[in-house]
C-alpha atoms as a PDB file:
ATOM      1  CA  MET A   1      87.155  79.492 121.308  1.00  0.00           C
ATOM      2  CA  ARG A   2      89.809  78.388 118.822  1.00  0.00           C
ATOM      3  CA  LYS A   3      91.891  81.453 119.691  1.00  0.00           C
ATOM      4  CA  ILE A   4      91.690  80.613 123.404  1.00  0.00           C
ATOM      5  CA  VAL A   5      92.756  76.988 122.795  1.00  0.00           C
ATOM      6  CA  LEU A   6      95.595  78.117 120.521  1.00  0.00           C
ATOM      7  CA  ALA A   7      96.817  80.612 123.118  1.00  0.00           C
ATOM      8  CA  MET A   8      96.769  77.899 125.808  1.00  0.00           C
ATOM      9  CA  VAL A   9      98.792  75.550 123.597  1.00  0.00           C
ATOM     10  CA  VAL A  10     101.389  78.235 122.861  1.00  0.00           C
ATOM     11  CA  ALA A  11     101.655  79.096 126.550  1.00  0.00           C
ATOM     12  CA  LEU A  12     102.099  75.411 127.455  1.00  0.00           C
ATOM     13  CA  VAL A  13     104.888  75.025 124.880  1.00  0.00           C
ATOM     14  CA  LEU A  14     106.682  78.100 126.261  1.00  0.00           C
ATOM     15  CA  VAL A  15     106.428  76.805 129.822  1.00  0.00           C
ATOM     16  CA  ILE A  16     107.853  73.403 128.829  1.00  0.00           C
ATOM     17  CA  ALA A  17     110.702  75.079 126.924  1.00  0.00           C
ATOM     18  CA  ALA A  18     111.509  77.315 129.880  1.00  0.00           C
ATOM     19  CA  TYR A  19     111.742  74.367 132.260  1.00  0.00           C
ATOM     20  CA  ALA A  20     113.900  72.458 129.795  1.00  0.00           C
ATOM     21  CA  MET A  21     116.328  75.354 129.433  1.00  0.00           C
ATOM     22  CA  ARG A  22     116.495  75.914 133.174  1.00  0.00           C
ATOM     23  CA  GLY A  23     117.265  72.251 133.750  1.00  0.00           C
ATOM     24  CA  LYS A  24     120.266  72.230 131.436  1.00  0.00           C
ATOM     25  CA  SER A  25     123.801  72.607 132.814  1.00  0.00           C
ATOM     26  CA  PRO A  26     127.076  72.463 130.876  1.00  0.00           C
ATOM     27  CA  ALA A  27     129.158  69.309 131.263  1.00  0.00           C
ATOM     28  CA  ILE A  28     132.527  70.084 132.864  1.00  0.00           C
ATOM     29  CA  ARG A  29     135.436  67.887 131.924  1.00  0.00           C
ATOM     30  CA  SER A  30     139.033  68.794 131.302  1.00  0.00           C
ATOM     31  CA  VAL A  31     139.627  66.879 128.079  1.00  0.00           C
ATOM     32  CA  PRO A  32     136.794  65.340 126.070  1.00  0.00           C
ATOM     33  CA  ALA A  33     137.296  62.014 124.355  1.00  0.00           C
ATOM     34  CA  PRO A  34     135.397  62.294 121.069  1.00  0.00           C
ATOM     35  CA  SER A  35     134.367  59.233 119.120  1.00  0.00           C
ATOM     36  CA  ALA A  36     135.319  60.936 115.871  1.00  0.00           C
ATOM     37  CA  ALA A  37     138.581  62.582 114.822  1.00  0.00           C
ATOM     38  CA  PRO A  38     138.922  66.339 115.448  1.00  0.00           C
ATOM     39  CA  SER A  39     137.760  68.579 112.662  1.00  0.00           C
ATOM     40  CA  GLY A  40     141.202  70.089 112.103  1.00  0.00           C
ATOM     41  CA  ASN A  41     140.042  73.719 112.251  1.00  0.00           C
ATOM     42  CA  ASP A  42     142.317  76.446 113.586  1.00  0.00           C
ATOM     43  CA  ASN A  43     140.964  76.053 117.115  1.00  0.00           C
ATOM     44  CA  THR A  44     141.885  72.380 117.361  1.00  0.00           C
ATOM     45  CA  PRO A  45     144.528  71.762 120.073  1.00  0.00           C
ATOM     46  CA  VAL A  46     147.817  70.277 118.901  1.00  0.00           C
ATOM     47  CA  VAL A  47     149.839  67.554 120.621  1.00  0.00           C
ATOM     48  CA  ARG A  48     153.474  67.525 119.531  1.00  0.00           C
ATOM     49  CA  PHE A  49     155.881  64.613 119.917  1.00  0.00           C
ATOM     50  CA  VAL A  50     159.508  64.172 118.914  1.00  0.00           C
ATOM     51  CA  LYS A  51     160.117  62.404 115.636  1.00  0.00           C
ATOM     52  CA  ASP A  52     162.525  59.459 116.101  1.00  0.00           C
ATOM     53  CA  PRO A  53     162.726  59.897 119.916  1.00  0.00           C
ATOM     54  CA  GLU A  54     165.671  58.736 122.030  1.00  0.00           C
ATOM     55  CA  VAL A  55     165.523  56.117 124.778  1.00  0.00           C
ATOM     56  CA  ALA A  56     165.165  57.716 128.209  1.00  0.00           C
ATOM     57  CA  PRO A  57     168.368  57.889 130.290  1.00  0.00           C
ATOM     58  CA  PRO A  58     168.560  55.490 133.251  1.00  0.00           C
ATOM     59  CA  LEU A  59     167.585  56.446 136.785  1.00  0.00           C
ATOM     60  CA  PRO A  60     168.911  55.309 140.204  1.00  0.00           C
ATOM     61  CA  ASP A  61     167.739  51.937 141.485  1.00  0.00           C
ATOM     62  CA  HIS A  62     165.919  53.104 144.635  1.00  0.00           C
ATOM     63  CA  ASP A  63     163.724  56.003 145.679  1.00  0.00           C
ATOM     64  CA  ILE A  64     163.743  57.899 148.991  1.00  0.00           C
ATOM     65  CA  PHE A  65     161.078  55.559 150.374  1.00  0.00           C
ATOM     66  CA  GLY A  66     163.550  52.681 149.945  1.00  0.00           C
ATOM     67  CA  ALA A  67     161.500  51.027 147.209  1.00  0.00           C
ATOM     68  CA  ALA A  68     163.151  49.630 144.092  1.00  0.00           C
ATOM     69  CA  VAL A  69     162.829  51.713 140.941  1.00  0.00           C
ATOM     70  CA  SER A  70     162.583  49.259 138.069  1.00  0.00           C
ATOM     71  CA  ARG A  71     161.958  50.326 134.491  1.00  0.00           C
ATOM     72  CA  ALA A  72     160.720  46.798 133.843  1.00  0.00           C
ATOM     73  CA  ASN A  73     157.601  47.721 135.821  1.00  0.00           C
ATOM     74  CA  TRP A  74     156.921  50.619 133.446  1.00  0.00           C
ATOM     75  CA  THR A  75     156.445  48.486 130.359  1.00  0.00           C
ATOM     76  CA  GLY A  76     153.353  49.611 128.507  1.00  0.00           C
ATOM     77  CA  LYS A  77     152.977  52.710 130.684  1.00  0.00           C
ATOM     78  CA  VAL A  78     153.473  56.384 129.967  1.00  0.00           C
ATOM     79  CA  VAL A  79     156.126  57.835 132.288  1.00  0.00           C
ATOM     80  CA  LEU A  80     156.549  61.433 133.451  1.00  0.00           C
ATOM     81  CA  VAL A  81     160.003  62.229 134.858  1.00  0.00           C
ATOM     82  CA  ASN A  82     159.429  65.382 136.871  1.00  0.00           C
ATOM     83  CA  PHE A  83     162.364  67.519 138.085  1.00  0.00           C
ATOM     84  CA  TRP A  84     161.370  69.653 141.069  1.00  0.00           C
ATOM     85  CA  ALA A  85     162.387  70.893 144.538  1.00  0.00           C
ATOM     86  CA  THR A  86     160.576  71.481 147.826  1.00  0.00           C
ATOM     87  CA  TRP A  87     161.669  75.149 147.884  1.00  0.00           C
ATOM     88  CA  CYS A  88     160.181  75.828 144.420  1.00  0.00           C
ATOM     89  CA  PRO A  89     156.696  77.498 144.645  1.00  0.00           C
ATOM     90  CA  PRO A  90     155.567  76.415 141.132  1.00  0.00           C
ATOM     91  CA  CYS A  91     156.633  72.860 141.983  1.00  0.00           C
ATOM     92  CA  ARG A  92     154.533  72.893 145.156  1.00  0.00           C
ATOM     93  CA  GLU A  93     151.615  74.278 143.170  1.00  0.00           C
ATOM     94  CA  GLU A  94     151.933  71.437 140.663  1.00  0.00           C
ATOM     95  CA  ILE A  95     152.097  68.602 143.200  1.00  0.00           C
ATOM     96  CA  PRO A  96     148.334  68.192 143.904  1.00  0.00           C
ATOM     97  CA  GLU A  97     147.650  67.971 140.162  1.00  0.00           C
ATOM     98  CA  MET A  98     150.401  65.394 139.703  1.00  0.00           C
ATOM     99  CA  ILE A  99     148.955  63.378 142.572  1.00  0.00           C
ATOM    100  CA  ALA A 100     145.519  63.504 140.927  1.00  0.00           C
ATOM    101  CA  LEU A 101     147.012  62.560 137.566  1.00  0.00           C
ATOM    102  CA  GLN A 102     148.763  59.524 139.055  1.00  0.00           C
ATOM    103  CA  SER A 103     145.535  58.438 140.743  1.00  0.00           C
ATOM    104  CA  LYS A 104     143.472  58.900 137.582  1.00  0.00           C
ATOM    105  CA  TYR A 105     145.794  56.793 135.401  1.00  0.00           C
ATOM    106  CA  ARG A 106     147.272  54.555 138.093  1.00  0.00           C
ATOM    107  CA  GLU A 107     147.421  51.486 135.841  1.00  0.00           C
ATOM    108  CA  GLN A 108     148.663  53.316 132.738  1.00  0.00           C
ATOM    109  CA  LEU A 109     150.922  56.065 134.064  1.00  0.00           C
ATOM    110  CA  GLN A 110     154.010  56.240 136.249  1.00  0.00           C
ATOM    111  CA  ILE A 111     155.237  59.579 137.538  1.00  0.00           C
ATOM    112  CA  VAL A 112     158.821  59.614 138.797  1.00  0.00           C
ATOM    113  CA  SER A 113     159.928  62.695 140.679  1.00  0.00           C
ATOM    114  CA  ILE A 114     163.570  63.857 140.726  1.00  0.00           C
ATOM    115  CA  SER A 115     164.241  66.140 143.688  1.00  0.00           C
ATOM    116  CA  GLU A 116     166.943  68.776 143.189  1.00  0.00           C
ATOM    117  CA  ASP A 117     166.916  69.695 146.872  1.00  0.00           C
ATOM    118  CA  ASP A 118     170.206  70.183 148.688  1.00  0.00           C
ATOM    119  CA  ASP A 119     168.521  69.095 151.920  1.00  0.00           C
ATOM    120  CA  PRO A 120     168.895  65.506 153.132  1.00  0.00           C
ATOM    121  CA  ALA A 121     166.588  62.882 151.655  1.00  0.00           C
ATOM    122  CA  ALA A 122     164.901  62.575 155.067  1.00  0.00           C
ATOM    123  CA  ASN A 123     163.620  66.161 154.788  1.00  0.00           C
ATOM    124  CA  VAL A 124     162.287  65.537 151.291  1.00  0.00           C
ATOM    125  CA  LEU A 125     160.647  62.318 152.525  1.00  0.00           C
ATOM    126  CA  LYS A 126     158.895  64.215 155.343  1.00  0.00           C
ATOM    127  CA  PHE A 127     157.664  66.808 152.846  1.00  0.00           C
ATOM    128  CA  ALA A 128     156.374  64.053 150.526  1.00  0.00           C
ATOM    129  CA  GLN A 129     154.519  62.319 153.326  1.00  0.00           C
ATOM    130  CA  GLN A 130     152.905  65.578 154.462  1.00  0.00           C
ATOM    131  CA  ARG A 131     151.736  66.293 150.913  1.00  0.00           C
ATOM    132  CA  GLY A 132     150.533  62.731 150.262  1.00  0.00           C
ATOM    133  CA  ILE A 133     152.732  62.232 147.201  1.00  0.00           C
ATOM    134  CA  ASN A 134     151.772  58.895 145.641  1.00  0.00           C
ATOM    135  CA  TYR A 135     154.662  58.348 143.223  1.00  0.00           C
ATOM    136  CA  PRO A 136     158.395  57.579 143.607  1.00  0.00           C
ATOM    137  CA  ILE A 137     160.831  60.363 144.485  1.00  0.00           C
ATOM    138  CA  ILE A 138     164.514  60.080 143.640  1.00  0.00           C
ATOM    139  CA  MET A 139     167.199  62.427 144.880  1.00  0.00           C
ATOM    140  CA  GLY A 140     168.785  64.121 141.897  1.00  0.00           C
ATOM    141  CA  THR A 141     172.470  63.527 141.305  1.00  0.00           C
ATOM    142  CA  PRO A 142     174.828  65.386 138.948  1.00  0.00           C
ATOM    143  CA  GLU A 143     174.851  62.256 136.771  1.00  0.00           C
ATOM    144  CA  VAL A 144     171.047  62.115 136.460  1.00  0.00           C
ATOM    145  CA  ILE A 145     170.738  65.834 135.780  1.00  0.00           C
ATOM    146  CA  ALA A 146     173.531  65.673 133.185  1.00  0.00           C
ATOM    147  CA  ALA A 147     171.952  62.633 131.514  1.00  0.00           C
ATOM    148  CA  TYR A 148     168.655  64.465 131.075  1.00  0.00           C
ATOM    149  CA  GLY A 149     170.512  67.719 130.233  1.00  0.00           C
ATOM    150  CA  GLY A 150     168.673  70.894 129.411  1.00  0.00           C
ATOM    151  CA  VAL A 151     166.717  71.416 132.636  1.00  0.00           C
ATOM    152  CA  PRO A 152     166.503  75.225 132.472  1.00  0.00           C
ATOM    153  CA  ALA A 153     163.822  75.678 135.136  1.00  0.00           C
ATOM    154  CA  LEU A 154     161.882  73.904 137.828  1.00  0.00           C
ATOM    155  CA  PRO A 155     159.576  72.164 137.447  1.00  0.00           C
ATOM    156  CA  THR A 156     160.585  70.445 134.218  1.00  0.00           C
ATOM    157  CA  THR A 157     158.843  67.270 133.082  1.00  0.00           C
ATOM    158  CA  PHE A 158     160.015  64.777 130.466  1.00  0.00           C
ATOM    159  CA  VAL A 159     157.278  62.722 128.790  1.00  0.00           C
ATOM    160  CA  ILE A 160     158.240  59.114 128.015  1.00  0.00           C
ATOM    161  CA  ASP A 161     156.160  56.878 125.779  1.00  0.00           C
ATOM    162  CA  THR A 162     155.182  53.247 126.388  1.00  0.00           C
ATOM    163  CA  GLN A 163     158.383  52.121 124.646  1.00  0.00           C
ATOM    164  CA  GLY A 164     160.619  54.056 127.023  1.00  0.00           C
ATOM    165  CA  ARG A 165     161.465  56.922 124.644  1.00  0.00           C
ATOM    166  CA  VAL A 166     161.462  60.634 125.489  1.00  0.00           C
ATOM    167  CA  VAL A 167     158.890  62.305 123.259  1.00  0.00           C
ATOM    168  CA  GLN A 168     158.403  65.723 124.873  1.00  0.00           C
ATOM    169  CA  LYS A 169     159.661  68.091 127.566  1.00  0.00           C
ATOM    170  CA  HIS A 170     157.735  70.784 129.446  1.00  0.00           C
ATOM    171  CA  ALA A 171     159.627  73.468 131.386  1.00  0.00           C
ATOM    172  CA  GLY A 172     157.633  75.332 134.007  1.00  0.00           C
ATOM    173  CA  LEU A 173     153.979  74.952 134.930  1.00  0.00           C
ATOM    174  CA  HIS A 174     151.658  73.577 132.267  1.00  0.00           C
ATOM    175  CA  PRO A 175     147.900  72.898 132.324  1.00  0.00           C
ATOM    176  CA  MET A 176     147.031  69.343 133.277  1.00  0.00           C
ATOM    177  CA  ASP A 177     144.991  69.176 130.076  1.00  0.00           C
ATOM    178  CA  THR A 178     148.313  69.182 128.223  1.00  0.00           C
ATOM    179  CA  TYR A 179     149.483  66.083 130.052  1.00  0.00           C
ATOM    180  CA  ILE A 180     146.122  64.352 129.808  1.00  0.00           C
ATOM    181  CA  ARG A 181     146.037  64.771 126.028  1.00  0.00           C
ATOM    182  CA  GLU A 182     149.606  63.471 125.729  1.00  0.00           C
ATOM    183  CA  ILE A 183     148.955  60.497 128.003  1.00  0.00           C
ATOM    184  CA  ARG A 184     145.792  59.542 126.137  1.00  0.00           C
ATOM    185  CA  ALA A 185     147.501  59.940 122.768  1.00  0.00           C
ATOM    186  CA  LEU A 186     150.441  57.758 123.812  1.00  0.00           C
ATOM    187  CA  LEU A 187     148.028  55.115 125.138  1.00  0.00           C
ATOM    188  CA  GLY A 188     146.182  55.092 121.808  1.00  0.00           C
ATOM    189  CA  GLN A 189     143.029  56.624 123.286  1.00  0.00           C
ATOM    190  CA  PRO A 190     140.936  59.216 121.414  1.00  0.00           C
ATOM    191  CA  ILE A 191     141.708  62.882 122.046  1.00  0.00           C
ATOM    192  CA  ASP A 192     140.273  66.214 120.938  1.00  0.00           C
ATOM    193  CA  ALA A 193     143.528  67.263 119.256  1.00  0.00           C
ATOM    194  CA  ARG A 194     145.651  66.547 116.242  1.00  0.00           C
ATOM    195  CA  ILE A 195     149.118  65.040 116.634  1.00  0.00           C
ATOM    196  CA  GLU A 196     152.208  66.528 115.027  1.00  0.00           C
ATOM    197  CA  THR A 197     155.861  65.526 115.177  1.00  0.00           C
ATOM    198  CA  PHE A 198     159.014  67.625 115.264  1.00  0.00           C
ATOM    199  CA  VAL A 199     162.754  67.077 115.049  1.00  0.00           C
ATOM    200  CA  ASP A 200     164.420  67.627 118.406  1.00  0.00           C
ATOM    201  CA  ALA A 201     166.707  70.603 117.819  1.00  0.00           C
ATOM    202  CA  GLY A 202     167.486  71.136 121.475  1.00  0.00           C
ATOM    203  CA  GLN A 203     163.915  71.565 122.704  1.00  0.00           C
ATOM    204  CA  VAL A 204     164.134  68.252 124.597  1.00  0.00           C
ATOM    205  CA  PHE A 205     167.839  67.409 124.857  1.00  0.00           C
ATOM    206  CA  LEU A 206     170.243  70.340 124.506  1.00  0.00           C
ATOM    207  CA  LYS A 207     172.838  68.176 122.786  1.00  0.00           C
ATOM    208  CA  ASN A 208     170.442  68.003 119.832  1.00  0.00           C
ATOM    209  CA  ALA A 209     170.804  71.723 119.211  1.00  0.00           C
ATOM    210  CA  VAL A 210     173.181  70.593 116.452  1.00  0.00           C
ATOM    211  CA  ASN A 211     170.052  69.607 114.503  1.00  0.00           C
ATOM    212  CA  ALA A 212     168.691  73.155 114.543  1.00  0.00           C
ATOM    213  CA  THR A 213     168.280  75.039 111.272  1.00  0.00           C
ATOM    214  CA  GLU A 214     166.964  78.110 113.113  1.00  0.00           C
ATOM    215  CA  LEU A 215     167.924  79.460 116.543  1.00  0.00           C
ATOM    216  CA  PRO A 216     166.020  81.810 118.876  1.00  0.00           C
ATOM    217  CA  GLY A 217     167.111  85.400 118.396  1.00  0.00           C
ATOM    218  CA  VAL A 218     169.572  84.599 115.602  1.00  0.00           C
ATOM    219  CA  ASN A 219     168.739  86.205 112.257  1.00  0.00           C
ATOM    220  CA  LEU A 220     169.818  83.927 109.410  1.00  0.00           C
ATOM    221  CA  ASP A 221     167.589  85.597 106.823  1.00  0.00           C
ATOM    222  CA  GLY A 222     169.294  86.506 103.578  1.00  0.00           C
ATOM    223  CA  LEU A 223     172.144  84.021 103.952  1.00  0.00           C
ATOM    224  CA  THR A 224     172.931  81.689 101.100  1.00  0.00           C
ATOM    225  CA  PRO A 225     172.626  77.959 101.869  1.00  0.00           C
ATOM    226  CA  GLU A 226     176.432  77.764 102.109  1.00  0.00           C
ATOM    227  CA  GLN A 227     176.612  80.747 104.465  1.00  0.00           C
ATOM    228  CA  LYS A 228     173.826  79.400 106.648  1.00  0.00           C
ATOM    229  CA  LYS A 229     175.580  76.043 106.883  1.00  0.00           C
ATOM    230  CA  ALA A 230     178.838  77.761 107.834  1.00  0.00           C
ATOM    231  CA  ALA A 231     177.125  79.965 110.442  1.00  0.00           C
ATOM    232  CA  LEU A 232     175.334  77.032 112.072  1.00  0.00           C
ATOM    233  CA  HIS A 233     178.569  75.042 112.108  1.00  0.00           C
ATOM    234  CA  ARG A 234     180.323  77.808 114.017  1.00  0.00           C
ATOM    235  CA  LEU A 235     177.383  78.326 116.380  1.00  0.00           C
ATOM    236  CA  ASN A 236     177.547  74.615 117.231  1.00  0.00           C
ATOM    237  CA  ALA A 237     181.342  74.582 117.506  1.00  0.00           C
ATOM    238  CA  GLU A 238     182.033  77.742 119.501  1.00  0.00           C
ATOM    239  CA  SER A 239     181.226  78.252 123.162  1.00  0.00           C
ATOM    240  CA  CYS A 240     179.262  80.971 124.866  1.00  0.00           C
ATOM    241  CA  THR A 241     181.250  83.113 127.320  1.00  0.00           C
ATOM    242  CA  CYS A 242     178.393  83.794 129.735  1.00  0.00           C
ATOM    243  CA  GLY A 243     179.624  81.008 132.020  1.00  0.00           C
ATOM    244  CA  CYS A 244     177.032  78.454 130.977  1.00  0.00           C
ATOM    245  CA  THR A 245     179.647  76.011 129.526  1.00  0.00           C
ATOM    246  CA  LEU A 246     177.373  75.509 126.499  1.00  0.00           C
ATOM    247  CA  THR A 247     177.886  76.049 122.806  1.00  0.00           C
ATOM    248  CA  LEU A 248     176.358  79.185 121.335  1.00  0.00           C
ATOM    249  CA  SER A 249     173.543  77.123 119.807  1.00  0.00           C
ATOM    250  CA  GLN A 250     172.805  75.362 123.077  1.00  0.00           C
ATOM    251  CA  CYS A 251     172.778  78.614 125.028  1.00  0.00           C
ATOM    252  CA  ARG A 252     170.367  80.226 122.554  1.00  0.00           C
ATOM    253  CA  VAL A 253     167.985  77.270 122.973  1.00  0.00           C
ATOM    254  CA  ASN A 254     168.445  76.989 126.738  1.00  0.00           C
ATOM    255  CA  ASP A 255     168.271  80.707 127.530  1.00  0.00           C
ATOM    256  CA  THR A 256     166.705  82.774 124.764  1.00  0.00           C
ATOM    257  CA  GLU A 257     167.232  85.953 126.817  1.00  0.00           C
ATOM    258  CA  CYS A 258     171.001  85.527 127.237  1.00  0.00           C
ATOM    259  CA  PRO A 259     172.548  88.780 125.940  1.00  0.00           C
ATOM    260  CA  VAL A 260     176.018  87.258 125.674  1.00  0.00           C
ATOM    261  CA  SER A 261     175.177  84.396 123.312  1.00  0.00           C
ATOM    262  CA  GLY A 262     172.879  86.712 121.375  1.00  0.00           C
ATOM    263  CA  LYS A 263     175.655  89.246 120.774  1.00  0.00           C
ATOM    264  CA  ILE A 264     178.271  86.628 119.875  1.00  0.00           C
ATOM    265  CA  ALA A 265     175.866  84.780 117.556  1.00  0.00           C
ATOM    266  CA  ALA A 266     175.096  88.028 115.712  1.00  0.00           C
ATOM    267  CA  GLN A 267     178.839  88.646 115.328  1.00  0.00           C
ATOM    268  CA  VAL A 268     179.342  85.113 113.992  1.00  0.00           C
ATOM    269  CA  VAL A 269     176.665  85.640 111.352  1.00  0.00           C
ATOM    270  CA  LYS A 270     178.225  88.991 110.401  1.00  0.00           C
ATOM    271  CA  GLU A 271     181.665  87.423 110.056  1.00  0.00           C
ATOM    272  CA  VAL A 272     180.299  84.606 107.902  1.00  0.00           C
ATOM    273  CA  VAL A 273     178.546  87.072 105.581  1.00  0.00           C
ATOM    274  CA  HIS A 274     181.513  89.425 105.293  1.00  0.00           C
ATOM    275  CA  GLY A 275     184.272  86.815 105.414  1.00  0.00           C
ATOM    276  CA  GLY A 276     185.646  87.739 108.825  1.00  0.00           C
ATOM    277  CA  LYS A 277     187.851  85.432 110.870  1.00  0.00           C
ATOM    278  CA  PRO A 278     186.549  83.639 113.978  1.00  0.00           C
ATOM    279  CA  ALA A 279     187.415  85.524 117.134  1.00  0.00           C
ATOM    280  CA  HIS A 280     186.068  82.994 119.622  1.00  0.00           C
ATOM    281  CA  GLY A 281     187.507  79.907 121.222  1.00  0.00           C
ATOM    282  CA  PRO A 282     186.478  76.268 120.692  1.00  0.00           C
ATOM    283  CA  ALA A 283     183.485  74.804 122.440  1.00  0.00           C
ATOM    284  CA  SER A 284     183.852  73.479 125.942  1.00  0.00           C
ATOM    285  CA  LYS A 285     183.835  69.729 126.370  1.00  0.00           C
ATOM    286  CA  THR A 286     181.008  70.137 128.900  1.00  0.00           C
ATOM    287  CA  THR A 287     177.697  69.666 127.140  1.00  0.00           C
ATOM    288  CA  SER A 288     175.240  70.224 129.953  1.00  0.00           C
ATOM    289  CA  LYS A 289     174.282  73.345 131.851  1.00  0.00           C
ATOM    290  CA  PRO A 290     173.429  73.380 135.545  1.00  0.00           C
ATOM    291  CA  PRO A 291     169.698  74.005 135.847  1.00  0.00           C
ATOM    292  CA  GLN A 292     168.598  77.560 136.492  1.00  0.00           C
ATOM    293  CA  LYS A 293     166.211  77.109 139.378  1.00  0.00           C
ATOM    294  CA  GLU A 294     163.157  79.337 139.183  1.00  0.00           C
ATOM    295  CA  SER A 295     161.033  80.147 142.138  1.00  0.00           C
END
C-alpha cells in the first residue's frame, strides 16, 4: 500500500513539473534594465563615450516640414543627428527602427535627420510622409557636412548627450540595442553594460586625428619615443595624394583601406627611422572629406 501511495505522489510531482515547464516562455526584450550593476565579466556589453566631448556643431533653423529647429527644445534630451539619403538602401532599412526609437523615447530623445539627397526638398518630404517619419529632416548643406566632418558612409549617426556634446559616432547600420544602451546611459538609467571613455583620435571628428598615438594600418612598433613623435607629426602635417584632401592621419582614420595613404605612411615611417628627407608636400588647408556614400 505504501509503495502504491509513494508511486502516486511521485507521479503527481512529475505531472506538476511537466506543466510548469511547458508553461514557461522566455521573456523577449532588446535591452534589460537590471537593478544591480553588471557583473563585469568578459561577456558584458560595453558602452563607449568620448572623454571631454565637444559641443555639437549648429544646424539650420528650419526643417523640410517648415518647422523651427531649436536646440533650446533639446535641453535635457539625448539627440541623434542622423546623416542619410533616400537612395541609400541601409538608410531605408534603418528608418523604421529610428521611427520606433523616437516613439519609445519621445520625451527624452530627439532624432534629427540630415538628408544628403541631391533631389529637391519636396521629393524628400514626400518620401518622409510616405514612410511616416516622425522626426525633423534637414537638407544637408556643405557647411553642415563640413561642420560634422568625417562622414565616411551613409547612414552615419552622431550621438549627443543631454548637455549638447557629441559623445559617439556610428557609421553604417548598427543594432538598435546599441542606441538604446547609449540613450539609457546618457539619461542616467540602468543598463546591462559597463561604460568606458576614450580620447577622440579621429573616430568622431576627423580633425581630432592629431590626437592619435596609433593609426590604422601604420606600424609604429620598434620606434623610439622621439621617432614615433616625429612620425606622427609628419603624418598629421603631410597630405594624402589620393584626392581626399585630408592629411595622411585623417585618411588612415577615414578610409582604412586606402592604398595611397597606407603606402605613403609606411614610407614616412621608414624615412623617420633611417633619417630620410620628406618627399611629400604640406597638408591641404581643407580639413574635411566629402562623404563616401555607400549603398
